[in-house]
């Protein structure tokens, strides 16, 4: 039969909420910046493949969109 435990499930150290907040902020920042980079890449690839912009113009567009997106969302 199953044992029924009463009381706290874990009796280890107390939670470090400051570290949890830092980890959450880092995760949100990484997700935001990763999304900006992916969107900039898709736009630059569309400009490079479907227009006469070429590789170097698309590369410059990618860099500008990435830097601009990261700076504007701070």
N, C-alpha and C. Protein backbone atom coordinates (compact mmCIF):
# COMPACT_ATOMS: atom_id res chain seq x y z
N UNK A 1 0.83 -1.18 0.00
CA UNK A 1 0.00 0.00 0.00
C UNK A 1 0.88 1.24 0.00
N UNK A 2 0.29 2.32 -0.44
CA UNK A 2 1.03 3.58 -0.51
C UNK A 2 1.18 4.17 0.89
N UNK A 3 2.32 4.77 1.09
CA UNK A 3 2.54 5.43 2.36
C UNK A 3 2.02 6.86 2.27
N UNK A 4 1.43 7.35 3.33
CA UNK A 4 0.93 8.71 3.37
C UNK A 4 1.84 9.53 4.26
N UNK A 5 2.57 10.45 3.61
CA UNK A 5 3.48 11.31 4.36
C UNK A 5 2.78 12.63 4.66
N UNK A 6 3.02 13.12 5.85
CA UNK A 6 2.46 14.41 6.24
C UNK A 6 3.61 15.36 6.52
N UNK A 7 3.42 16.62 6.21
CA UNK A 7 4.46 17.61 6.45
C UNK A 7 5.12 18.02 5.14
N UNK A 8 6.18 18.79 5.25
CA UNK A 8 6.84 19.28 4.03
C UNK A 8 7.48 18.14 3.25
N UNK A 9 7.42 18.26 1.94
CA UNK A 9 7.99 17.22 1.08
C UNK A 9 9.50 17.29 1.07
N UNK A 10 10.04 18.47 1.30
CA UNK A 10 11.47 18.66 1.25
C UNK A 10 11.90 19.48 2.46
N UNK A 11 12.95 19.07 3.09
CA UNK A 11 13.40 19.80 4.29
C UNK A 11 14.80 20.35 4.09
N UNK A 12 15.17 20.64 2.85
CA UNK A 12 16.50 21.15 2.53
C UNK A 12 16.62 22.63 2.87
N UNK A 13 17.55 23.27 2.20
CA UNK A 13 17.81 24.68 2.44
C UNK A 13 16.63 25.53 1.96
N UNK A 14 16.55 26.75 2.47
CA UNK A 14 15.48 27.65 2.06
C UNK A 14 15.71 28.08 0.61
N UNK A 15 14.65 28.50 -0.02
CA UNK A 15 14.73 28.92 -1.42
C UNK A 15 15.48 30.24 -1.53
N UNK A 16 16.31 30.34 -2.55
CA UNK A 16 17.07 31.56 -2.81
C UNK A 16 16.32 32.35 -3.88
N UNK A 17 15.37 33.19 -3.45
CA UNK A 17 14.52 33.89 -4.39
C UNK A 17 15.27 34.92 -5.21
N UNK A 18 16.32 35.50 -4.68
CA UNK A 18 17.11 36.46 -5.46
C UNK A 18 17.75 35.76 -6.66
N UNK A 19 18.25 34.56 -6.44
CA UNK A 19 18.86 33.80 -7.54
C UNK A 19 17.80 33.36 -8.55
N UNK A 20 16.60 33.04 -8.09
CA UNK A 20 15.51 32.69 -8.99
C UNK A 20 15.15 33.88 -9.87
N UNK A 21 15.09 35.07 -9.28
CA UNK A 21 14.77 36.27 -10.05
C UNK A 21 15.84 36.56 -11.10
N UNK A 22 17.11 36.36 -10.77
CA UNK A 22 18.19 36.57 -11.73
C UNK A 22 18.08 35.57 -12.88
N UNK A 23 17.79 34.32 -12.56
CA UNK A 23 17.68 33.29 -13.58
C UNK A 23 16.50 33.57 -14.50
N UNK A 24 15.38 33.99 -13.94
CA UNK A 24 14.20 34.31 -14.74
C UNK A 24 14.48 35.49 -15.66
N UNK A 25 15.13 36.53 -15.15
CA UNK A 25 15.46 37.70 -15.96
C UNK A 25 16.40 37.32 -17.10
N UNK A 26 17.37 36.45 -16.83
CA UNK A 26 18.30 35.99 -17.86
C UNK A 26 17.56 35.18 -18.92
N UNK A 27 16.64 34.33 -18.51
CA UNK A 27 15.86 33.54 -19.46
C UNK A 27 15.00 34.43 -20.35
N UNK A 28 14.31 35.39 -19.76
CA UNK A 28 13.44 36.29 -20.53
C UNK A 28 14.28 37.12 -21.50
N UNK A 29 15.42 37.60 -21.06
CA UNK A 29 16.30 38.38 -21.92
C UNK A 29 16.82 37.53 -23.08
N UNK A 30 17.21 36.31 -22.82
CA UNK A 30 17.67 35.42 -23.88
C UNK A 30 16.59 35.08 -24.87
N UNK A 31 15.38 34.85 -24.39
CA UNK A 31 14.26 34.55 -25.28
C UNK A 31 13.93 35.76 -26.16
N UNK A 32 13.95 36.94 -25.56
CA UNK A 32 13.66 38.17 -26.31
C UNK A 32 14.72 38.40 -27.38
N UNK A 33 15.98 38.32 -27.01
CA UNK A 33 17.06 38.56 -27.97
C UNK A 33 17.11 37.48 -29.04
N UNK A 34 16.83 36.24 -28.67
CA UNK A 34 16.78 35.17 -29.65
C UNK A 34 15.67 35.37 -30.66
N UNK A 35 14.52 35.85 -30.21
CA UNK A 35 13.41 36.13 -31.11
C UNK A 35 13.76 37.27 -32.06
N UNK A 36 14.40 38.31 -31.54
CA UNK A 36 14.81 39.43 -32.38
C UNK A 36 15.79 38.96 -33.46
N UNK A 37 16.74 38.13 -33.08
CA UNK A 37 17.72 37.63 -34.04
C UNK A 37 17.05 36.76 -35.11
N UNK A 38 16.12 35.91 -34.71
CA UNK A 38 15.44 35.05 -35.69
C UNK A 38 14.60 35.87 -36.67
N UNK A 39 13.88 36.86 -36.17
CA UNK A 39 13.06 37.71 -37.04
C UNK A 39 13.96 38.51 -37.98
N UNK A 40 15.06 39.06 -37.47
CA UNK A 40 15.99 39.81 -38.32
C UNK A 40 16.58 38.91 -39.39
N UNK A 41 16.88 37.67 -39.04
CA UNK A 41 17.44 36.73 -40.01
C UNK A 41 16.45 36.41 -41.12
N UNK A 42 15.19 36.19 -40.76
CA UNK A 42 14.17 35.88 -41.76
C UNK A 42 13.96 37.07 -42.70
N UNK A 43 13.91 38.28 -42.14
CA UNK A 43 13.72 39.47 -42.98
C UNK A 43 14.92 39.67 -43.91
N UNK A 44 16.13 39.49 -43.38
CA UNK A 44 17.33 39.66 -44.20
C UNK A 44 17.42 38.58 -45.27
N UNK A 45 17.04 37.36 -44.94
CA UNK A 45 17.05 36.30 -45.96
C UNK A 45 16.03 36.59 -47.05
N UNK A 46 14.86 37.10 -46.67
CA UNK A 46 13.86 37.45 -47.68
C UNK A 46 14.37 38.56 -48.57
N UNK A 47 15.04 39.54 -47.99
CA UNK A 47 15.59 40.64 -48.79
C UNK A 47 16.70 40.14 -49.70
N UNK A 48 17.51 39.23 -49.22
CA UNK A 48 18.61 38.72 -50.03
C UNK A 48 18.18 37.77 -51.12
N UNK A 49 17.17 36.95 -50.87
CA UNK A 49 16.78 35.93 -51.84
C UNK A 49 15.74 36.42 -52.85
N UNK A 50 14.82 37.27 -52.40
CA UNK A 50 13.68 37.63 -53.25
C UNK A 50 13.78 39.01 -53.87
N UNK A 51 14.84 39.75 -53.60
CA UNK A 51 15.07 41.04 -54.24
C UNK A 51 16.45 41.01 -54.88
N UNK A 52 16.81 42.11 -55.46
CA UNK A 52 18.15 42.19 -56.06
C UNK A 52 19.15 42.80 -55.09
N UNK A 53 18.88 42.72 -53.79
CA UNK A 53 19.75 43.35 -52.79
C UNK A 53 21.11 42.66 -52.73
N UNK A 54 21.14 41.35 -52.80
CA UNK A 54 22.40 40.62 -52.73
C UNK A 54 22.79 40.27 -51.31
N UNK A 55 23.89 39.52 -51.21
CA UNK A 55 24.32 38.99 -49.92
C UNK A 55 24.77 40.08 -48.95
N UNK A 56 25.61 40.99 -49.43
CA UNK A 56 26.18 41.98 -48.52
C UNK A 56 25.13 42.98 -48.04
N UNK A 57 24.20 43.34 -48.88
CA UNK A 57 23.12 44.22 -48.45
C UNK A 57 22.23 43.51 -47.43
N UNK A 58 21.98 42.23 -47.64
CA UNK A 58 21.18 41.47 -46.68
C UNK A 58 21.92 41.32 -45.35
N UNK A 59 23.24 41.16 -45.42
CA UNK A 59 24.04 41.06 -44.20
C UNK A 59 23.99 42.36 -43.41
N UNK A 60 24.12 43.48 -44.10
CA UNK A 60 24.04 44.79 -43.45
C UNK A 60 22.65 44.99 -42.85
N UNK A 61 21.62 44.59 -43.58
CA UNK A 61 20.26 44.69 -43.07
C UNK A 61 20.08 43.84 -41.81
N UNK A 62 20.62 42.63 -41.82
CA UNK A 62 20.54 41.75 -40.65
C UNK A 62 21.21 42.39 -39.44
N UNK A 63 22.38 42.94 -39.63
CA UNK A 63 23.10 43.57 -38.51
C UNK A 63 22.34 44.78 -37.99
N UNK A 64 21.83 45.61 -38.90
CA UNK A 64 21.08 46.80 -38.48
C UNK A 64 19.80 46.43 -37.74
N UNK A 65 19.07 45.44 -38.25
CA UNK A 65 17.84 45.03 -37.58
C UNK A 65 18.11 44.42 -36.21
N UNK A 66 19.16 43.63 -36.12
CA UNK A 66 19.50 42.99 -34.84
C UNK A 66 19.90 44.04 -33.81
N UNK A 67 20.82 44.92 -34.17
CA UNK A 67 21.27 45.95 -33.23
C UNK A 67 20.12 46.89 -32.88
N UNK A 68 19.36 47.30 -33.89
CA UNK A 68 18.24 48.19 -33.63
C UNK A 68 17.18 47.56 -32.74
N UNK A 69 16.88 46.30 -32.98
CA UNK A 69 15.87 45.62 -32.16
C UNK A 69 16.32 45.47 -30.72
N UNK A 70 17.57 45.13 -30.52
CA UNK A 70 18.08 44.93 -29.15
C UNK A 70 18.17 46.26 -28.42
N UNK A 71 18.59 47.32 -29.11
CA UNK A 71 18.69 48.63 -28.48
C UNK A 71 17.30 49.18 -28.14
N UNK A 72 16.35 49.01 -29.05
CA UNK A 72 15.01 49.56 -28.81
C UNK A 72 14.23 48.81 -27.74
N UNK A 73 14.55 47.58 -27.47
CA UNK A 73 13.78 46.81 -26.48
C UNK A 73 14.45 46.78 -25.10
N UNK A 74 15.44 47.57 -24.88
CA UNK A 74 16.07 47.60 -23.55
C UNK A 74 15.18 48.21 -22.53
